[in-house]
Amino acid sequence: MDYIINTAEENYDIILFEYDNRKWEITIDKNLSDREINLLVIKRIDELTDEFLDKQTYDESDLIVDYTTNKEE
């Protein structure tokens, strides 16, 4: 799985990946292992697949999804 990690944020990382010729992002907790990151990217791809099967488009899908456990108040 190819992805880019943007570590510019203080409390989380942003994972950028491409799926079905579109660019998507997820926010994750810092310092996750490659395996954990891959699982979260796969989880998001599964969600996108389900959304596409339901609506026949990605136009209503969120471009960024938050998978962090430490939500900022």
PDB file of N, CA and C in Angstrom:
ATOM      1  N   MET A   1       0.844  -1.168   0.000  1.00  0.00           N
ATOM      2  CA  MET A   1       0.000   0.000   0.000  1.00  0.00           C
ATOM      3  C   MET A   1       0.893   1.236   0.000  1.00  0.00           C
ATOM      4  N   ASP A   2       0.701   2.114  -0.942  1.00  0.00           N
ATOM      5  CA  ASP A   2       1.476   3.351  -1.012  1.00  0.00           C
ATOM      6  C   ASP A   2       0.706   4.473  -0.340  1.00  0.00           C
ATOM      7  N   TYR A   3       1.397   5.182   0.534  1.00  0.00           N
ATOM      8  CA  TYR A   3       0.800   6.341   1.181  1.00  0.00           C
ATOM      9  C   TYR A   3       1.906   7.289   1.601  1.00  0.00           C
ATOM     10  N   ILE A   4       1.531   8.501   1.919  1.00  0.00           N
ATOM     11  CA  ILE A   4       2.461   9.521   2.387  1.00  0.00           C
ATOM     12  C   ILE A   4       2.018   9.932   3.778  1.00  0.00           C
ATOM     13  N   ILE A   5       2.983  10.095   4.682  1.00  0.00           N
ATOM     14  CA  ILE A   5       2.673  10.550   6.035  1.00  0.00           C
ATOM     15  C   ILE A   5       3.091  12.011   6.159  1.00  0.00           C
ATOM     16  N   ASN A   6       2.130  12.860   6.502  1.00  0.00           N
ATOM     17  CA  ASN A   6       2.405  14.259   6.785  1.00  0.00           C
ATOM     18  C   ASN A   6       2.465  14.398   8.298  1.00  0.00           C
ATOM     19  N   THR A   7       3.640  14.671   8.831  1.00  0.00           N
ATOM     20  CA  THR A   7       3.818  14.738  10.278  1.00  0.00           C
ATOM     21  C   THR A   7       3.896  16.172  10.794  1.00  0.00           C
ATOM     22  N   ALA A   8       3.367  17.105  10.051  1.00  0.00           N
ATOM     23  CA  ALA A   8       3.459  18.512  10.435  1.00  0.00           C
ATOM     24  C   ALA A   8       2.575  18.849  11.636  1.00  0.00           C
ATOM     25  N   GLU A   9       1.543  18.094  11.878  1.00  0.00           N
ATOM     26  CA  GLU A   9       0.635  18.382  12.991  1.00  0.00           C
ATOM     27  C   GLU A   9       1.232  17.893  14.300  1.00  0.00           C
ATOM     28  N   GLU A  10       0.862  18.546  15.386  1.00  0.00           N
ATOM     29  CA  GLU A  10       1.460  18.232  16.679  1.00  0.00           C
ATOM     30  C   GLU A  10       0.908  16.962  17.315  1.00  0.00           C
ATOM     31  N   ASN A  11      -0.403  16.741  17.258  1.00  0.00           N
ATOM     32  CA  ASN A  11      -1.028  15.644  17.996  1.00  0.00           C
ATOM     33  C   ASN A  11      -1.440  14.457  17.131  1.00  0.00           C
ATOM     34  N   TYR A  12      -1.262  14.561  15.835  1.00  0.00           N
ATOM     35  CA  TYR A  12      -1.674  13.469  14.955  1.00  0.00           C
ATOM     36  C   TYR A  12      -0.897  13.538  13.654  1.00  0.00           C
ATOM     37  N   ASP A  13      -0.965  12.455  12.899  1.00  0.00           N
ATOM     38  CA  ASP A  13      -0.378  12.406  11.560  1.00  0.00           C
ATOM     39  C   ASP A  13      -1.501  12.366  10.539  1.00  0.00           C
ATOM     40  N   ILE A  14      -1.213  12.837   9.357  1.00  0.00           N
ATOM     41  CA  ILE A  14      -2.161  12.768   8.254  1.00  0.00           C
ATOM     42  C   ILE A  14      -1.596  11.791   7.227  1.00  0.00           C
ATOM     43  N   ILE A  15      -2.398  10.818   6.858  1.00  0.00           N
ATOM     44  CA  ILE A  15      -2.008   9.837   5.843  1.00  0.00           C
ATOM     45  C   ILE A  15      -2.707  10.204   4.540  1.00  0.00           C
ATOM     46  N   LEU A  16      -1.927  10.383   3.497  1.00  0.00           N
ATOM     47  CA  LEU A  16      -2.454  10.711   2.180  1.00  0.00           C
ATOM     48  C   LEU A  16      -2.292   9.484   1.290  1.00  0.00           C
ATOM     49  N   PHE A  17      -3.372   9.090   0.632  1.00  0.00           N
ATOM     50  CA  PHE A  17      -3.281   7.935  -0.266  1.00  0.00           C
ATOM     51  C   PHE A  17      -4.211   8.130  -1.452  1.00  0.00           C
ATOM     52  N   GLU A  18      -3.948   7.380  -2.491  1.00  0.00           N
ATOM     53  CA  GLU A  18      -4.764   7.443  -3.687  1.00  0.00           C
ATOM     54  C   GLU A  18      -5.542   6.143  -3.828  1.00  0.00           C
ATOM     55  N   TYR A  19      -6.807   6.290  -4.173  1.00  0.00           N
ATOM     56  CA  TYR A  19      -7.650   5.123  -4.411  1.00  0.00           C
ATOM     57  C   TYR A  19      -8.641   5.474  -5.508  1.00  0.00           C
ATOM     58  N   ASP A  20      -8.755   4.642  -6.487  1.00  0.00           N
ATOM     59  CA  ASP A  20      -9.675   4.818  -7.613  1.00  0.00           C
ATOM     60  C   ASP A  20      -9.482   6.190  -8.279  1.00  0.00           C
ATOM     61  N   ASN A  21      -8.214   6.547  -8.478  1.00  0.00           N
ATOM     62  CA  ASN A  21      -7.823   7.796  -9.145  1.00  0.00           C
ATOM     63  C   ASN A  21      -8.278   9.061  -8.413  1.00  0.00           C
ATOM     64  N   ARG A  22      -8.481   8.957  -7.104  1.00  0.00           N
ATOM     65  CA  ARG A  22      -8.803  10.113  -6.267  1.00  0.00           C
ATOM     66  C   ARG A  22      -7.874  10.113  -5.070  1.00  0.00           C
ATOM     67  N   LYS A  23      -7.666  11.274  -4.519  1.00  0.00           N
ATOM     68  CA  LYS A  23      -6.799  11.408  -3.359  1.00  0.00           C
ATOM     69  C   LYS A  23      -7.647  11.506  -2.089  1.00  0.00           C
ATOM     70  N   TRP A  24      -7.236  10.764  -1.057  1.00  0.00           N
ATOM     71  CA  TRP A  24      -7.972  10.688   0.199  1.00  0.00           C
ATOM     72  C   TRP A  24      -7.007  10.919   1.357  1.00  0.00           C
ATOM     73  N   GLU A  25      -7.562  11.276   2.514  1.00  0.00           N
ATOM     74  CA  GLU A  25      -6.753  11.479   3.703  1.00  0.00           C
ATOM     75  C   GLU A  25      -7.437  10.850   4.908  1.00  0.00           C
ATOM     76  N   ILE A  26      -6.612  10.359   5.825  1.00  0.00           N
ATOM     77  CA  ILE A  26      -7.107   9.968   7.140  1.00  0.00           C
ATOM     78  C   ILE A  26      -6.181  10.574   8.183  1.00  0.00           C
ATOM     79  N   THR A  27      -6.722  10.935   9.309  1.00  0.00           N
ATOM     80  CA  THR A  27      -5.893  11.383  10.420  1.00  0.00           C
ATOM     81  C   THR A  27      -5.782  10.229  11.400  1.00  0.00           C
ATOM     82  N   ILE A  28      -4.565  10.037  11.917  1.00  0.00           N
ATOM     83  CA  ILE A  28      -4.297   8.906  12.809  1.00  0.00           C
ATOM     84  C   ILE A  28      -3.465   9.374  13.992  1.00  0.00           C
ATOM     85  N   ASP A  29      -3.404   8.561  15.010  1.00  0.00           N
ATOM     86  CA  ASP A  29      -2.533   8.838  16.146  1.00  0.00           C
ATOM     87  C   ASP A  29      -1.077   8.789  15.693  1.00  0.00           C
ATOM     88  N   LYS A  30      -0.246   9.558  16.348  1.00  0.00           N
ATOM     89  CA  LYS A  30       1.185   9.562  16.035  1.00  0.00           C
ATOM     90  C   LYS A  30       1.821   8.221  16.389  1.00  0.00           C
ATOM     91  N   ASN A  31       2.870   7.910  15.681  1.00  0.00           N
ATOM     92  CA  ASN A  31       3.739   6.765  15.979  1.00  0.00           C
ATOM     93  C   ASN A  31       3.066   5.402  15.850  1.00  0.00           C
ATOM     94  N   LEU A  32       2.121   5.271  14.951  1.00  0.00           N
ATOM     95  CA  LEU A  32       1.566   3.943  14.680  1.00  0.00           C
ATOM     96  C   LEU A  32       2.555   3.166  13.812  1.00  0.00           C
ATOM     97  N   SER A  33       2.517   1.868  13.924  1.00  0.00           N
ATOM     98  CA  SER A  33       3.391   1.022  13.102  1.00  0.00           C
ATOM     99  C   SER A  33       2.893   1.000  11.654  1.00  0.00           C
ATOM    100  N   ASP A  34       3.757   0.563  10.752  1.00  0.00           N
ATOM    101  CA  ASP A  34       3.352   0.428   9.346  1.00  0.00           C
ATOM    102  C   ASP A  34       2.145  -0.486   9.208  1.00  0.00           C
ATOM    103  N   ARG A  35       2.126  -1.545   9.963  1.00  0.00           N
ATOM    104  CA  ARG A  35       1.005  -2.488   9.919  1.00  0.00           C
ATOM    105  C   ARG A  35      -0.299  -1.808  10.346  1.00  0.00           C
ATOM    106  N   GLU A  36      -0.252  -1.037  11.413  1.00  0.00           N
ATOM    107  CA  GLU A  36      -1.451  -0.330  11.898  1.00  0.00           C
ATOM    108  C   GLU A  36      -1.924   0.707  10.876  1.00  0.00           C
ATOM    109  N   ILE A  37      -0.983   1.405  10.267  1.00  0.00           N
ATOM    110  CA  ILE A  37      -1.342   2.387   9.241  1.00  0.00           C
ATOM    111  C   ILE A  37      -1.990   1.686   8.050  1.00  0.00           C
ATOM    112  N   ASN A  38      -1.394   0.595   7.598  1.00  0.00           N
ATOM    113  CA  ASN A  38      -1.975  -0.154   6.481  1.00  0.00           C
ATOM    114  C   ASN A  38      -3.389  -0.625   6.796  1.00  0.00           C
ATOM    115  N   LEU A  39      -3.612  -1.096   8.000  1.00  0.00           N
ATOM    116  CA  LEU A  39      -4.953  -1.556   8.384  1.00  0.00           C
ATOM    117  C   LEU A  39      -5.966  -0.418   8.353  1.00  0.00           C
ATOM    118  N   LEU A  40      -5.564   0.764   8.781  1.00  0.00           N
ATOM    119  CA  LEU A  40      -6.485   1.908   8.751  1.00  0.00           C
ATOM    120  C   LEU A  40      -6.747   2.389   7.327  1.00  0.00           C
ATOM    121  N   VAL A  41      -5.734   2.348   6.479  1.00  0.00           N
ATOM    122  CA  VAL A  41      -5.950   2.696   5.072  1.00  0.00           C
ATOM    123  C   VAL A  41      -6.895   1.684   4.428  1.00  0.00           C
ATOM    124  N   ILE A  42      -6.688   0.415   4.697  1.00  0.00           N
ATOM    125  CA  ILE A  42      -7.580  -0.627   4.160  1.00  0.00           C
ATOM    126  C   ILE A  42      -9.001  -0.448   4.696  1.00  0.00           C
ATOM    127  N   LYS A  43      -9.121  -0.109   5.955  1.00  0.00           N
ATOM    128  CA  LYS A  43     -10.447   0.153   6.544  1.00  0.00           C
ATOM    129  C   LYS A  43     -11.149   1.275   5.787  1.00  0.00           C
ATOM    130  N   ARG A  44     -10.412   2.356   5.504  1.00  0.00           N
ATOM    131  CA  ARG A  44     -11.015   3.481   4.780  1.00  0.00           C
ATOM    132  C   ARG A  44     -11.382   3.075   3.364  1.00  0.00           C
ATOM    133  N   ILE A  45     -10.547   2.306   2.704  1.00  0.00           N
ATOM    134  CA  ILE A  45     -10.865   1.839   1.354  1.00  0.00           C
ATOM    135  C   ILE A  45     -12.119   0.972   1.377  1.00  0.00           C
ATOM    136  N   ASP A  46     -12.253   0.121   2.380  1.00  0.00           N
ATOM    137  CA  ASP A  46     -13.468  -0.690   2.518  1.00  0.00           C
ATOM    138  C   ASP A  46     -14.700   0.199   2.683  1.00  0.00           C
ATOM    139  N   GLU A  47     -14.574   1.242   3.488  1.00  0.00           N
ATOM    140  CA  GLU A  47     -15.689   2.175   3.670  1.00  0.00           C
ATOM    141  C   GLU A  47     -16.039   2.885   2.366  1.00  0.00           C
ATOM    142  N   LEU A  48     -15.009   3.295   1.630  1.00  0.00           N
ATOM    143  CA  LEU A  48     -15.250   3.951   0.344  1.00  0.00           C
ATOM    144  C   LEU A  48     -15.917   3.007  -0.648  1.00  0.00           C
ATOM    145  N   THR A  49     -15.483   1.762  -0.650  1.00  0.00           N
ATOM    146  CA  THR A  49     -16.098   0.772  -1.530  1.00  0.00           C
ATOM    147  C   THR A  49     -17.577   0.598  -1.198  1.00  0.00           C
ATOM    148  N   ASP A  50     -17.886   0.491   0.082  1.00  0.00           N
ATOM    149  CA  ASP A  50     -19.284   0.366   0.500  1.00  0.00           C
ATOM    150  C   ASP A  50     -20.109   1.587   0.094  1.00  0.00           C
ATOM    151  N   GLU A  51     -19.538   2.777   0.290  1.00  0.00           N
ATOM    152  CA  GLU A  51     -20.238   4.007  -0.089  1.00  0.00           C
ATOM    153  C   GLU A  51     -20.481   4.044  -1.597  1.00  0.00           C
ATOM    154  N   PHE A  52     -19.483   3.639  -2.358  1.00  0.00           N
ATOM    155  CA  PHE A  52     -19.635   3.642  -3.810  1.00  0.00           C
ATOM    156  C   PHE A  52     -20.699   2.642  -4.258  1.00  0.00           C
ATOM    157  N   LEU A  53     -20.694   1.467  -3.659  1.00  0.00           N
ATOM    158  CA  LEU A  53     -21.713   0.468  -4.014  1.00  0.00           C
ATOM    159  C   LEU A  53     -23.113   0.953  -3.675  1.00  0.00           C
ATOM    160  N   ASP A  54     -23.214   1.710  -2.606  1.00  0.00           N
ATOM    161  CA  ASP A  54     -24.517   2.230  -2.178  1.00  0.00           C
ATOM    162  C   ASP A  54     -24.993   3.399  -3.041  1.00  0.00           C
ATOM    163  N   LYS A  55     -24.078   4.329  -3.365  1.00  0.00           N
ATOM    164  CA  LYS A  55     -24.474   5.580  -4.032  1.00  0.00           C
ATOM    165  C   LYS A  55     -23.998   5.694  -5.479  1.00  0.00           C
ATOM    166  N   GLN A  56     -23.164   4.756  -5.924  1.00  0.00           N
ATOM    167  CA  GLN A  56     -22.626   4.754  -7.289  1.00  0.00           C
ATOM    168  C   GLN A  56     -21.758   5.966  -7.603  1.00  0.00           C
ATOM    169  N   THR A  57     -21.256   6.649  -6.573  1.00  0.00           N
ATOM    170  CA  THR A  57     -20.380   7.800  -6.746  1.00  0.00           C
ATOM    171  C   THR A  57     -19.593   8.031  -5.459  1.00  0.00           C
ATOM    172  N   TYR A  58     -18.476   8.736  -5.592  1.00  0.00           N
ATOM    173  CA  TYR A  58     -17.704   9.151  -4.416  1.00  0.00           C
ATOM    174  C   TYR A  58     -17.997  10.604  -4.053  1.00  0.00           C
ATOM    175  N   ASP A  59     -18.847  11.258  -4.819  1.00  0.00           N
ATOM    176  CA  ASP A  59     -19.064  12.689  -4.650  1.00  0.00           C
ATOM    177  C   ASP A  59     -19.564  13.077  -3.263  1.00  0.00           C
ATOM    178  N   GLU A  60     -20.206  12.182  -2.559  1.00  0.00           N
ATOM    179  CA  GLU A  60     -20.697  12.475  -1.219  1.00  0.00           C
ATOM    180  C   GLU A  60     -19.789  11.893  -0.123  1.00  0.00           C
ATOM    181  N   SER A  61     -18.699  11.282  -0.520  1.00  0.00           N
ATOM    182  CA  SER A  61     -17.777  10.682   0.442  1.00  0.00           C
ATOM    183  C   SER A  61     -16.854  11.747   1.034  1.00  0.00           C
ATOM    184  N   ASP A  62     -16.561  11.607   2.314  1.00  0.00           N
ATOM    185  CA  ASP A  62     -15.645  12.533   2.972  1.00  0.00           C
ATOM    186  C   ASP A  62     -14.239  12.338   2.439  1.00  0.00           C
ATOM    187  N   LEU A  63     -13.579  13.430   2.129  1.00  0.00           N
ATOM    188  CA  LEU A  63     -12.194  13.353   1.657  1.00  0.00           C
ATOM    189  C   LEU A  63     -11.236  13.076   2.803  1.00  0.00           C
ATOM    190  N   ILE A  64     -11.599  13.504   4.015  1.00  0.00           N
ATOM    191  CA  ILE A  64     -10.762  13.305   5.197  1.00  0.00           C
ATOM    192  C   ILE A  64     -11.602  12.613   6.264  1.00  0.00           C
ATOM    193  N   VAL A  65     -11.046  11.558   6.855  1.00  0.00           N
ATOM    194  CA  VAL A  65     -11.721  10.839   7.942  1.00  0.00           C
ATOM    195  C   VAL A  65     -10.760  10.768   9.121  1.00  0.00           C
ATOM    196  N   ASP A  66     -11.305  10.995  10.317  1.00  0.00           N
ATOM    197  CA  ASP A  66     -10.498  11.043  11.535  1.00  0.00           C
ATOM    198  C   ASP A  66     -10.547   9.695  12.248  1.00  0.00           C
ATOM    199  N   TYR A  67      -9.386   9.053  12.375  1.00  0.00           N
ATOM    200  CA  TYR A  67      -9.264   7.796  13.111  1.00  0.00           C
ATOM    201  C   TYR A  67      -8.414   7.956  14.367  1.00  0.00           C
ATOM    202  N   THR A  68      -8.291   9.173  14.870  1.00  0.00           N
ATOM    203  CA  THR A  68      -7.495   9.381  16.066  1.00  0.00           C
ATOM    204  C   THR A  68      -8.302   8.995  17.306  1.00  0.00           C
ATOM    205  N   THR A  69      -7.606   8.545  18.322  1.00  0.00           N
ATOM    206  CA  THR A  69      -8.285   8.194  19.579  1.00  0.00           C
ATOM    207  C   THR A  69      -8.264   9.340  20.564  1.00  0.00           C
ATOM    208  N   ASN A  70      -7.348  10.290  20.370  1.00  0.00           N
ATOM    209  CA  ASN A  70      -7.237  11.437  21.270  1.00  0.00           C
ATOM    210  C   ASN A  70      -7.825  12.671  20.585  1.00  0.00           C
ATOM    211  N   LYS A  71      -9.114  12.840  20.701  1.00  0.00           N
ATOM    212  CA  LYS A  71      -9.792  13.970  20.074  1.00  0.00           C
ATOM    213  C   LYS A  71      -9.450  15.256  20.818  1.00  0.00           C
ATOM    214  N   GLU A  72      -9.197  16.309  20.064  1.00  0.00           N
ATOM    215  CA  GLU A  72      -8.925  17.589  20.702  1.00  0.00           C
ATOM    216  C   GLU A  72     -10.240  18.232  21.108  1.00  0.00           C
ATOM    217  N   GLU A  73     -10.240  18.838  22.268  1.00  0.00           N
ATOM    218  CA  GLU A  73     -11.450  19.507  22.773  1.00  0.00           C
ATOM    219  C   GLU A  73     -11.534  20.904  22.222  1.00  0.00           C
TER     220      GLU A  73
END
